C-alpha cells in the first residue's frame, strides 16, 4: 500500500511538501547566496582594513549583529509569524550582498552585519520548520541529508566565487543577490506556515528562555559541542584565506582550499550512517579528536603553506563528520512542548561562534602570528572531545 501511495504522489511533492528534501533544498539555496561570497569577504575586508587583527575586530562586530538578531528574532516571529519572517530575512540577505558590493568600508561593513543577521535568522527559522514538521525519530537521517544537499553550494560557491571576484569584484555579489531572489519567490510559493516560538509559552521573554535552556545540562552540552564545530568553520572561512595570501599564495588558492574542505560534505550521508552505526556519542568524540589533531598539525607545518593546507583538509574530515550529526544532540534532548522556544536559543551557537572567538583572536593577534588562531581551535577540539563523552550512551 505504501508503494501505491508513493506512486500517487506528484513528482514535485518532495520539493513542495514539508519533509527532509524540501528543507534541505531551502537550506541549499540559502547556502548558495552565502557561499558564493564566503571566500571574498575576508579578502575584501583585508583590503579595506589592512591587517588580520583589524579583520578580527570587524568579525567581532559582525558577530554581535548576528547575536542581536538571534535574540530579537522570536519577537519578530511573534509579530509577523514564521512565514512572513522568513521572507523578511531572505530579503535582508539580498540587500546585504548589494551593500557589500559597494567597495566602500561603510557599505561593506553594514552589508556584512546584515548578512550575519540574515544568516542567524534563516538558521533559526529553518530549525523551527524542521522541529515542526520532522518527526523526532527521523532527525538523525534528516540532518545528513541537509548537509549533503548543501555540499554543492559550499563546494561550488567558494571555487567559483573567488574566480568571479578576479573577473569583477561585483560579480560574486550579483550571483548572491540572484540566489536570494530565487529563494524568496520559491519560499513564497510554498505558502508554508509553522507554529510561532511563543505559541505555547505566553509572552516573549528571551532572557527567561535562555535561562531555562542553560539550566538543562543536555541542552547546554549540545550548545557547547555545536559552538565548537562552528568555531572551526568560522576560523577556516575567515583566517585560512588571509593565511594563504600573507604566505604569498594567489587568491584563487584560498577559494580552492575552502572548496576542497567543503567538498567533503558530499560524504556526509555516509558519515551520518557511520555515526548511527557506531553510536553518536563515540562518533562525535572521535570526530572532535580528529579535528584537534589535524589542526595542531596545521600549526606545526604553518611555515609550509602547501602542507599546512593539506592538514586543514584533513581536519575538515572531522568537521564535516560533526556537521552530519551534531545538531541531533540538541534535537534529541529538547522537550517537545518547548522545542520552538529552545530552538531559538540553540541557534545562537552559530552567532556566538562568529563573535567570541574572533574577539579573542583580535587580542591574540596583537602579540602572536596568525597560526595562533588555529592553535586555539585545536585546544577547543580537545575540550569538546572530552565533553562529548558525557553524551547519553543511547543517543
Protein backbone atom coordinates (compact mmCIF):
# COMPACT_ATOMS: atom_id res chain seq x y z
CA UNK A 1 0.00 0.00 0.00
CA UNK A 2 2.83 2.41 0.82
CA UNK A 3 4.27 1.85 -2.66
CA UNK A 4 0.93 2.67 -4.24
CA UNK A 5 0.61 5.82 -2.16
CA UNK A 6 4.11 6.89 -3.14
CA UNK A 7 3.25 6.35 -6.81
CA UNK A 8 0.16 8.55 -6.45
CA UNK A 9 2.21 11.47 -5.19
CA UNK A 10 3.12 14.07 -7.85
CA UNK A 11 6.77 14.17 -8.96
CA UNK A 12 7.31 17.57 -7.36
CA UNK A 13 5.98 16.57 -3.93
CA UNK A 14 9.47 16.20 -2.44
CA UNK A 15 10.29 19.87 -3.06
CA UNK A 16 6.81 21.33 -2.47
CA UNK A 17 5.60 19.50 0.64
CA UNK A 18 7.16 19.61 4.13
CA UNK A 19 9.83 16.97 4.58
CA UNK A 20 13.60 16.41 4.71
CA UNK A 21 14.13 17.06 0.97
CA UNK A 22 12.20 20.33 0.99
CA UNK A 23 14.07 21.73 3.99
CA UNK A 24 17.38 20.54 2.55
CA UNK A 25 16.52 22.40 -0.68
CA UNK A 26 15.70 25.61 1.18
CA UNK A 27 18.98 25.34 3.08
CA UNK A 28 20.87 24.78 -0.18
CA UNK A 29 19.51 27.94 -1.81
CA UNK A 30 20.32 29.91 1.32
CA UNK A 31 23.81 28.36 1.26
CA UNK A 32 24.39 29.37 -2.37
CA UNK A 33 23.65 33.00 -1.54
CA UNK A 34 26.16 32.93 1.31
CA UNK A 35 28.81 30.54 -0.06
CA UNK A 36 29.46 32.37 -3.33
CA UNK A 37 30.87 35.35 -1.40
CA UNK A 38 32.35 33.42 1.55
CA UNK A 39 35.99 33.47 0.32
CA UNK A 40 35.61 37.01 -0.98
CA UNK A 41 34.62 38.58 2.34
CA UNK A 42 37.89 38.11 4.27
CA UNK A 43 39.98 39.21 1.28
CA UNK A 44 37.84 42.31 0.72
CA UNK A 45 37.96 43.02 4.46
CA UNK A 46 41.74 42.62 4.50
CA UNK A 47 41.95 45.02 1.54
CA UNK A 48 39.77 47.62 3.27
CA UNK A 49 41.07 47.19 6.84
CA UNK A 50 44.73 46.38 6.29
CA UNK A 51 45.54 43.60 8.80
CA UNK A 52 44.31 40.28 10.18
CA UNK A 53 43.88 41.88 13.61
CA UNK A 54 41.57 44.56 12.21
CA UNK A 55 39.62 41.89 10.35
CA UNK A 56 39.16 40.04 13.66
CA UNK A 57 37.76 43.19 15.24
CA UNK A 58 35.35 43.58 12.32
CA UNK A 59 34.30 39.92 12.57
CA UNK A 60 33.58 40.51 16.27
CA UNK A 61 31.30 43.44 15.47
CA UNK A 62 29.58 41.37 12.81
CA UNK A 63 29.14 38.58 15.35
CA UNK A 64 27.44 41.00 17.75
CA UNK A 65 24.95 41.84 15.00
CA UNK A 66 24.24 38.14 14.48
CA UNK A 67 23.66 37.51 18.19
CA UNK A 68 21.34 40.52 18.42
CA UNK A 69 19.33 39.16 15.50
CA UNK A 70 19.07 35.74 17.13
CA UNK A 71 17.78 37.36 20.33
CA UNK A 72 15.16 39.57 18.68
CA UNK A 73 14.06 37.00 16.10
CA UNK A 74 11.40 35.44 18.39
CA UNK A 75 9.86 38.89 18.80
CA UNK A 76 9.83 39.38 15.03
CA UNK A 77 8.23 35.97 14.51
CA UNK A 78 5.67 36.69 17.23
CA UNK A 79 4.62 39.81 15.34
CA UNK A 80 4.92 38.58 11.75
CA UNK A 81 4.61 34.78 12.08
CA UNK A 82 7.31 32.41 10.69
CA UNK A 83 6.35 32.64 7.01
CA UNK A 84 6.49 36.43 6.77
CA UNK A 85 9.59 36.50 8.97
CA UNK A 86 11.33 34.05 6.66
CA UNK A 87 10.58 36.24 3.65
CA UNK A 88 11.78 39.32 5.53
CA UNK A 89 15.10 37.71 6.42
CA UNK A 90 15.64 36.43 2.86
CA UNK A 91 15.15 39.99 1.63
CA UNK A 92 17.72 41.15 4.19
CA UNK A 93 20.23 38.64 2.78
CA UNK A 94 19.83 40.07 -0.72
CA UNK A 95 20.18 43.66 0.49
CA UNK A 96 23.30 42.65 2.44
CA UNK A 97 25.04 41.44 -0.73
CA UNK A 98 24.02 44.64 -2.51
CA UNK A 99 25.62 46.78 0.20
CA UNK A 100 28.77 44.69 0.33
CA UNK A 101 29.26 45.21 -3.40
CA UNK A 102 29.71 48.96 -2.78
CA UNK A 103 33.51 48.50 -2.25
CA UNK A 104 33.28 51.21 0.41
CA UNK A 105 34.13 50.42 4.01
CA UNK A 106 30.83 51.79 5.38
CA UNK A 107 28.62 49.96 2.88
CA UNK A 108 30.70 46.80 3.14
CA UNK A 109 30.58 46.85 6.94
CA UNK A 110 26.82 47.44 7.07
CA UNK A 111 26.22 44.71 4.49
CA UNK A 112 28.46 42.31 6.41
CA UNK A 113 26.45 42.87 9.58
CA UNK A 114 23.16 42.42 7.71
CA UNK A 115 24.48 39.18 6.22
CA UNK A 116 25.26 37.86 9.70
CA UNK A 117 21.80 38.87 10.89
CA UNK A 118 20.17 37.19 7.88
CA UNK A 119 22.19 34.00 8.40
CA UNK A 120 21.14 33.88 12.06
CA UNK A 121 17.51 34.45 11.13
CA UNK A 122 17.46 31.83 8.39
CA UNK A 123 19.08 29.21 10.60
CA UNK A 124 16.66 29.86 13.44
CA UNK A 125 13.61 29.84 11.20
CA UNK A 126 14.65 26.70 9.35
CA UNK A 127 15.18 24.91 12.66
CA UNK A 128 11.66 25.97 13.69
CA UNK A 129 10.23 24.46 10.50
CA UNK A 130 12.26 21.27 10.93
CA UNK A 131 11.14 20.96 14.56
CA UNK A 132 7.53 21.43 13.47
CA UNK A 133 7.44 19.03 10.51
CA UNK A 134 10.15 16.38 11.01
CA UNK A 135 9.46 13.52 13.39
CA UNK A 136 11.99 13.24 16.20
CA UNK A 137 12.87 9.68 15.16
CA UNK A 138 13.82 10.86 11.64
CA UNK A 139 16.18 13.64 12.71
CA UNK A 140 19.34 11.50 12.58
CA UNK A 141 18.56 10.87 8.88
CA UNK A 142 17.31 14.37 8.05
CA UNK A 143 20.42 16.27 9.18
CA UNK A 144 22.92 14.36 6.99
CA UNK A 145 20.57 14.88 4.03
CA UNK A 146 20.52 18.63 4.63
CA UNK A 147 24.33 18.66 4.87
CA UNK A 148 24.65 16.58 1.69
CA UNK A 149 22.34 18.84 -0.30
CA UNK A 150 24.20 21.98 0.76
CA UNK A 151 27.52 20.45 -0.32
CA UNK A 152 27.03 21.69 -3.88
CA UNK A 153 26.73 25.27 -2.64
CA UNK A 154 29.67 25.11 -0.24
CA UNK A 155 31.95 23.47 -2.80
CA UNK A 156 30.96 25.36 -5.92
CA UNK A 157 30.43 28.68 -4.13
CA UNK A 158 33.99 29.26 -2.87
CA UNK A 159 35.51 27.71 -6.01
CA UNK A 160 33.55 29.95 -8.39
CA UNK A 161 33.20 32.96 -6.12
CA UNK A 162 36.91 33.71 -5.92
CA UNK A 163 37.21 33.37 -9.71
CA UNK A 164 34.21 35.65 -10.26
CA UNK A 165 35.89 38.10 -7.91
CA UNK A 166 39.01 38.18 -10.10
CA UNK A 167 36.88 38.83 -13.19
CA UNK A 168 34.93 41.59 -11.44
CA UNK A 169 34.64 42.39 -7.72
CA UNK A 170 30.89 42.88 -8.24
CA UNK A 171 30.16 39.55 -9.90
CA UNK A 172 30.02 37.22 -6.86
CA UNK A 173 27.73 39.66 -5.05
CA UNK A 174 25.42 39.77 -8.08
CA UNK A 175 25.16 35.97 -8.04
CA UNK A 176 24.41 36.08 -4.31
CA UNK A 177 21.59 38.55 -4.90
CA UNK A 178 20.15 36.35 -7.66
CA UNK A 179 20.17 33.31 -5.34
CA UNK A 180 18.40 35.35 -2.65
CA UNK A 181 15.70 36.42 -5.11
CA UNK A 182 15.17 32.81 -6.21
CA UNK A 183 14.89 31.65 -2.59
CA UNK A 184 12.42 34.46 -1.82
CA UNK A 185 9.98 33.50 -4.57
CA UNK A 186 10.39 29.77 -4.01
CA UNK A 187 9.54 30.02 -0.33
CA UNK A 188 6.70 32.43 -1.04
CA UNK A 189 5.20 29.94 -3.48
CA UNK A 190 5.33 27.16 -0.86
CA UNK A 191 2.92 29.09 1.37
CA UNK A 192 4.27 27.12 4.32
CA UNK A 193 3.49 28.20 7.89
CA UNK A 194 4.95 26.87 11.14
CA UNK A 195 3.99 27.43 14.80
CA UNK A 196 5.35 30.60 16.39
CA UNK A 197 8.09 30.09 19.01
CA UNK A 198 5.82 31.71 21.60
CA UNK A 199 2.67 29.84 20.65
CA UNK A 200 2.86 27.69 23.79
CA UNK A 201 4.88 29.90 26.07
CA UNK A 202 2.96 33.11 26.58
CA UNK A 203 4.70 36.47 26.37
CA UNK A 204 8.02 36.82 24.66
CA UNK A 205 10.72 36.52 27.36
CA UNK A 206 14.11 35.80 25.71
CA UNK A 207 16.15 36.02 28.92
CA UNK A 208 13.82 33.55 30.63
CA UNK A 209 14.15 31.18 27.68
CA UNK A 210 17.94 31.49 27.76
CA UNK A 211 17.99 30.81 31.48
CA UNK A 212 15.70 27.79 31.11
CA UNK A 213 17.84 26.48 28.25
CA UNK A 214 21.16 26.57 30.11
CA UNK A 215 19.67 25.11 33.27
CA UNK A 216 19.25 21.87 31.32
CA UNK A 217 22.57 20.02 31.19
CA UNK A 218 21.91 18.09 27.99
CA UNK A 219 20.87 21.23 26.13
CA UNK A 220 23.92 23.09 27.43
CA UNK A 221 26.18 20.27 26.28
CA UNK A 222 24.57 20.28 22.83
CA UNK A 223 25.11 24.04 22.58
CA UNK A 224 28.80 23.85 23.52
CA UNK A 225 29.50 20.99 21.10
CA UNK A 226 27.84 22.81 18.20
CA UNK A 227 29.63 26.01 19.17
CA UNK A 228 32.92 24.09 18.96
CA UNK A 229 32.29 22.72 15.47
CA UNK A 230 31.05 26.08 14.18
CA UNK A 231 34.13 27.80 15.63
CA UNK A 232 36.32 25.66 13.36
CA UNK A 233 34.35 26.66 10.25
CA UNK A 234 34.44 30.37 11.19
CA UNK A 235 38.20 30.12 11.55
CA UNK A 236 38.58 28.31 8.23
CA UNK A 237 36.47 30.74 6.21
CA UNK A 238 37.91 33.87 7.83
CA UNK A 239 41.56 33.17 8.52
CA UNK A 240 42.62 30.48 6.03
CA UNK A 241 42.31 32.86 3.02
CA UNK A 242 44.24 35.54 4.93
CA UNK A 243 46.92 32.99 5.88
CA UNK A 244 47.43 31.93 2.26
CA UNK A 245 47.53 35.48 0.90
CA UNK A 246 50.00 36.56 3.57
CA UNK A 247 52.10 33.47 2.73
CA UNK A 248 52.36 34.75 -0.85
CA UNK A 249 49.84 32.42 -2.45
CA UNK A 250 47.37 33.67 -5.11
CA UNK A 251 43.83 34.44 -4.01
CA UNK A 252 42.49 31.58 -6.17
CA UNK A 253 44.22 29.09 -3.88
CA UNK A 254 42.19 30.41 -0.96
CA UNK A 255 38.96 29.59 -2.76
CA UNK A 256 40.31 26.20 -3.80
CA UNK A 257 41.28 25.36 -0.21
CA UNK A 258 37.83 26.17 1.12
CA UNK A 259 36.19 24.28 -1.75
CA UNK A 260 38.41 21.27 -1.02
CA UNK A 261 37.36 21.29 2.63
CA UNK A 262 33.67 21.70 1.89
CA UNK A 263 33.80 19.04 -0.86
CA UNK A 264 33.85 16.52 1.96
CA UNK A 265 30.22 17.42 2.58
CA UNK A 266 29.41 15.04 -0.27
CA UNK A 267 30.24 12.14 2.03
CA UNK A 268 28.00 13.47 4.81
CA UNK A 269 25.33 10.83 4.14
CA UNK A 270 27.91 8.10 4.63
CA UNK A 271 29.27 9.82 7.73
CA UNK A 272 25.76 10.16 9.14
CA UNK A 273 25.22 6.43 8.57
CA UNK A 274 28.56 5.67 10.18
CA UNK A 275 27.66 7.80 13.19
CA UNK A 276 24.41 5.92 13.69
CA UNK A 277 26.22 2.63 13.20
CA UNK A 278 28.89 3.10 15.86
CA UNK A 279 26.87 5.38 18.15
CA UNK A 280 26.74 9.17 18.07
CA UNK A 281 28.48 9.54 21.42
CA UNK A 282 31.68 7.80 20.32
CA UNK A 283 31.43 9.20 16.80
CA UNK A 284 31.20 12.84 17.93
CA UNK A 285 34.01 12.45 20.46
CA UNK A 286 36.26 10.81 17.87
CA UNK A 287 35.47 13.48 15.27
CA UNK A 288 36.49 16.25 17.66
CA UNK A 289 39.74 14.39 18.43
CA UNK A 290 40.42 14.16 14.68
CA UNK A 291 39.76 17.89 14.25
CA UNK A 292 42.06 18.78 17.14
CA UNK A 293 44.93 16.56 15.97
CA UNK A 294 44.81 17.81 12.36
CA UNK A 295 44.55 21.44 13.43
CA UNK A 296 47.56 21.09 15.72
CA UNK A 297 49.40 19.61 12.72
CA UNK A 298 48.47 22.71 10.70
CA UNK A 299 50.14 24.89 13.33
CA UNK A 300 53.23 22.66 13.27
CA UNK A 301 53.54 22.99 9.47
CA UNK A 302 52.36 26.61 9.23
CA UNK A 303 55.67 27.68 7.66
CA UNK A 304 54.97 25.33 4.74
CA UNK A 305 51.66 26.54 3.19
CA UNK A 306 51.10 23.53 0.92
CA UNK A 307 51.48 21.01 3.72
CA UNK A 308 49.53 23.21 6.15
CA UNK A 309 46.66 23.40 3.65
CA UNK A 310 46.62 19.60 3.49
CA UNK A 311 46.29 19.50 7.28
CA UNK A 312 43.24 21.77 7.08
CA UNK A 313 41.64 19.48 4.52
CA UNK A 314 42.27 16.51 6.83
CA UNK A 315 40.79 18.48 9.72
CA UNK A 316 37.71 19.14 7.59
CA UNK A 317 37.01 15.39 7.56
CA UNK A 318 36.27 15.60 11.28
CA UNK A 319 34.37 18.84 11.00
CA UNK A 320 32.08 17.51 8.25
CA UNK A 321 31.52 14.40 10.37
CA UNK A 322 30.26 16.70 13.11
CA UNK A 323 28.09 18.64 10.68
CA UNK A 324 26.36 15.38 9.79
CA UNK A 325 25.18 14.58 13.30
CA UNK A 326 25.99 17.26 15.91
CA UNK A 327 22.65 19.08 15.68
CA UNK A 328 20.96 15.81 16.67
CA UNK A 329 22.42 16.26 20.18
CA UNK A 330 20.02 19.18 20.60
CA UNK A 331 17.04 17.82 18.71
CA UNK A 332 17.07 14.60 20.73
CA UNK A 333 17.49 16.40 24.06
CA UNK A 334 14.91 19.16 23.78
CA UNK A 335 11.45 18.59 25.26
CA UNK A 336 8.66 18.51 22.72
CA UNK A 337 6.49 21.15 24.36
CA UNK A 338 9.28 23.76 24.38
CA UNK A 339 11.04 22.92 21.12
CA UNK A 340 10.25 26.23 19.37
CA UNK A 341 11.50 28.41 22.25
CA UNK A 342 14.62 26.33 22.90
CA UNK A 343 15.37 26.15 19.17
CA UNK A 344 15.76 29.92 19.09
CA UNK A 345 18.24 29.84 21.97
CA UNK A 346 20.16 26.90 20.49
CA UNK A 347 20.55 28.72 17.16
CA UNK A 348 22.62 31.41 18.89
CA UNK A 349 25.59 29.00 18.94
CA UNK A 350 26.37 29.92 15.36
CA UNK A 351 26.45 33.65 16.02
CA UNK A 352 28.34 33.20 19.28
CA UNK A 353 30.99 31.27 17.33
CA UNK A 354 31.27 34.23 14.96
CA UNK A 355 31.56 36.64 17.90
CA UNK A 356 33.52 35.18 20.82
CA UNK A 357 36.50 33.51 19.07
CA UNK A 358 37.26 36.49 16.76
CA UNK A 359 37.17 38.79 19.79
CA UNK A 360 39.74 36.57 21.50
CA UNK A 361 41.73 36.30 18.27
CA UNK A 362 41.84 40.10 17.90
CA UNK A 363 43.68 40.26 21.23
CA UNK A 364 45.98 37.32 20.49
CA UNK A 365 46.89 38.64 17.03
CA UNK A 366 48.22 41.79 18.68
CA UNK A 367 51.02 39.65 20.13
CA UNK A 368 51.26 36.44 18.11
CA UNK A 369 51.32 35.45 14.40
CA UNK A 370 48.21 34.20 12.60
CA UNK A 371 48.63 30.43 13.34
CA UNK A 372 47.69 31.16 16.97
CA UNK A 373 44.01 31.18 15.97
CA UNK A 374 44.31 27.58 14.77
CA UNK A 375 46.16 26.61 17.94
CA UNK A 376 43.17 27.84 19.96
CA UNK A 377 40.87 25.83 17.69
CA UNK A 378 42.86 22.69 18.34
CA UNK A 379 42.53 23.21 22.09
CA UNK A 380 38.78 23.73 21.74
CA UNK A 381 38.55 20.49 19.78
CA UNK A 382 40.19 18.59 22.63
CA UNK A 383 37.80 20.12 25.16
CA UNK A 384 34.78 19.15 23.04
CA UNK A 385 36.21 15.63 22.58
CA UNK A 386 36.12 15.14 26.34
CA UNK A 387 32.73 16.81 26.78
CA UNK A 388 31.19 14.59 24.09
CA UNK A 389 31.90 11.58 26.29
CA UNK A 390 29.18 12.94 28.61
CA UNK A 391 26.52 12.43 25.94
CA UNK A 392 23.97 9.67 26.68
CA UNK A 393 25.16 6.23 25.53
CA UNK A 394 21.89 5.59 23.74
CA UNK A 395 21.99 8.80 21.65
